[in-house]
Amino acid sequence: MTGLAERKGRGRKISIVHIAQILLSESDAEHPLSQQQILAFLRERYGMEMDRKAVRRNLEALRGGGLPVVLSLIHISEPTR
């Protein structure tokens, strides 16, 4: 890989490390973080822009690797009329 492709590959690899650092320093069982909060930390701390779905994939990978990550889905219902 060279140029942009190499930088993207490195960014993908380091993003999972940054997400793990954010989770370990900013969250616990009583203080979970949303994907939007994780995205904000990535932007503020590391200057990284990332897709919400990429955050989800990284969280699933961290959980698969043994980090106690709990993923929850929030159901947003249709507004009542």
Protein backbone atom coordinates (compact mmCIF):
# COMPACT_ATOMS: atom_id res chain seq x y z
CA MET A 1 0.00 0.00 0.00
CA THR A 2 1.16 3.48 -0.70
CA GLY A 3 -0.08 7.00 -0.22
CA LEU A 4 -3.76 7.41 0.65
CA ALA A 5 -4.46 3.68 0.82
CA GLU A 6 -1.61 3.22 3.30
CA ARG A 7 -2.82 6.10 5.49
CA LYS A 8 -6.38 4.75 5.44
CA GLY A 9 -5.15 1.29 6.44
CA ARG A 10 -3.13 2.74 9.31
CA GLY A 11 -6.12 4.86 10.35
CA ARG A 12 -8.35 1.83 10.47
CA LYS A 13 -5.86 -0.08 12.57
CA ILE A 14 -5.28 2.73 15.04
CA SER A 15 -8.97 3.64 15.30
CA ILE A 16 -9.74 0.45 17.22
CA VAL A 17 -6.95 1.30 19.67
CA HIS A 18 -8.30 4.82 20.14
CA ILE A 19 -11.82 3.50 20.69
CA ALA A 20 -10.52 1.04 23.31
CA GLN A 21 -8.66 3.89 25.05
CA ILE A 22 -11.81 6.03 25.07
CA LEU A 23 -13.92 3.20 26.48
CA LEU A 24 -11.40 2.39 29.20
CA SER A 25 -10.94 6.00 30.28
CA GLU A 26 -14.43 7.43 29.83
CA SER A 27 -16.94 4.65 30.45
CA ASP A 28 -17.89 1.88 32.82
CA ALA A 29 -20.99 -0.15 33.60
CA GLU A 30 -22.73 2.87 35.14
CA HIS A 31 -21.53 5.36 32.50
CA PRO A 32 -21.94 3.90 29.01
CA LEU A 33 -21.04 5.89 25.90
CA SER A 34 -23.15 6.22 22.79
CA GLN A 35 -21.65 5.86 19.34
CA GLN A 36 -22.13 9.61 18.89
CA GLN A 37 -20.14 10.29 22.06
CA ILE A 38 -17.36 7.98 20.86
CA LEU A 39 -17.32 9.81 17.52
CA ALA A 40 -17.03 13.14 19.37
CA PHE A 41 -14.08 11.85 21.44
CA LEU A 42 -12.37 10.56 18.28
CA ARG A 43 -12.76 14.00 16.66
CA GLU A 44 -11.72 16.00 19.73
CA ARG A 45 -8.81 13.88 20.96
CA TYR A 46 -7.40 12.37 17.80
CA GLY A 47 -8.74 14.51 14.95
CA MET A 48 -10.34 11.41 13.45
CA GLU A 49 -13.51 11.38 11.39
CA MET A 50 -15.24 8.04 11.28
CA ASP A 51 -18.53 6.60 10.14
CA ARG A 52 -20.97 5.47 12.84
CA LYS A 53 -21.05 2.00 11.28
CA ALA A 54 -17.26 1.78 11.49
CA VAL A 55 -17.49 2.55 15.22
CA ARG A 56 -20.00 -0.28 15.57
CA ARG A 57 -17.71 -2.71 13.71
CA ASN A 58 -14.79 -1.72 15.94
CA LEU A 59 -16.90 -2.18 19.08
CA GLU A 60 -17.92 -5.64 17.90
CA ALA A 61 -14.27 -6.49 17.18
CA LEU A 62 -13.23 -5.32 20.65
CA ARG A 63 -15.97 -7.42 22.21
CA GLY A 64 -14.88 -10.40 20.11
CA GLY A 65 -11.32 -9.84 21.33
CA GLY A 66 -12.35 -10.08 24.97
CA LEU A 67 -12.95 -6.46 26.02
CA PRO A 68 -16.19 -6.38 28.02
CA VAL A 69 -18.10 -4.16 25.58
CA VAL A 70 -21.88 -4.14 25.86
CA LEU A 71 -23.72 -3.12 22.73
CA SER A 72 -27.33 -2.10 23.00
CA LEU A 73 -29.85 -1.12 20.41
CA ILE A 74 -32.23 1.72 21.00
CA HIS A 75 -35.56 1.40 19.29
CA ILE A 76 -36.91 4.72 18.15
CA SER A 77 -40.61 4.45 17.58
CA GLU A 78 -42.67 6.33 15.06
CA PRO A 79 -44.12 9.58 16.37
CA THR A 80 -47.71 9.27 17.46
CA ARG A 81 -50.28 11.23 15.51
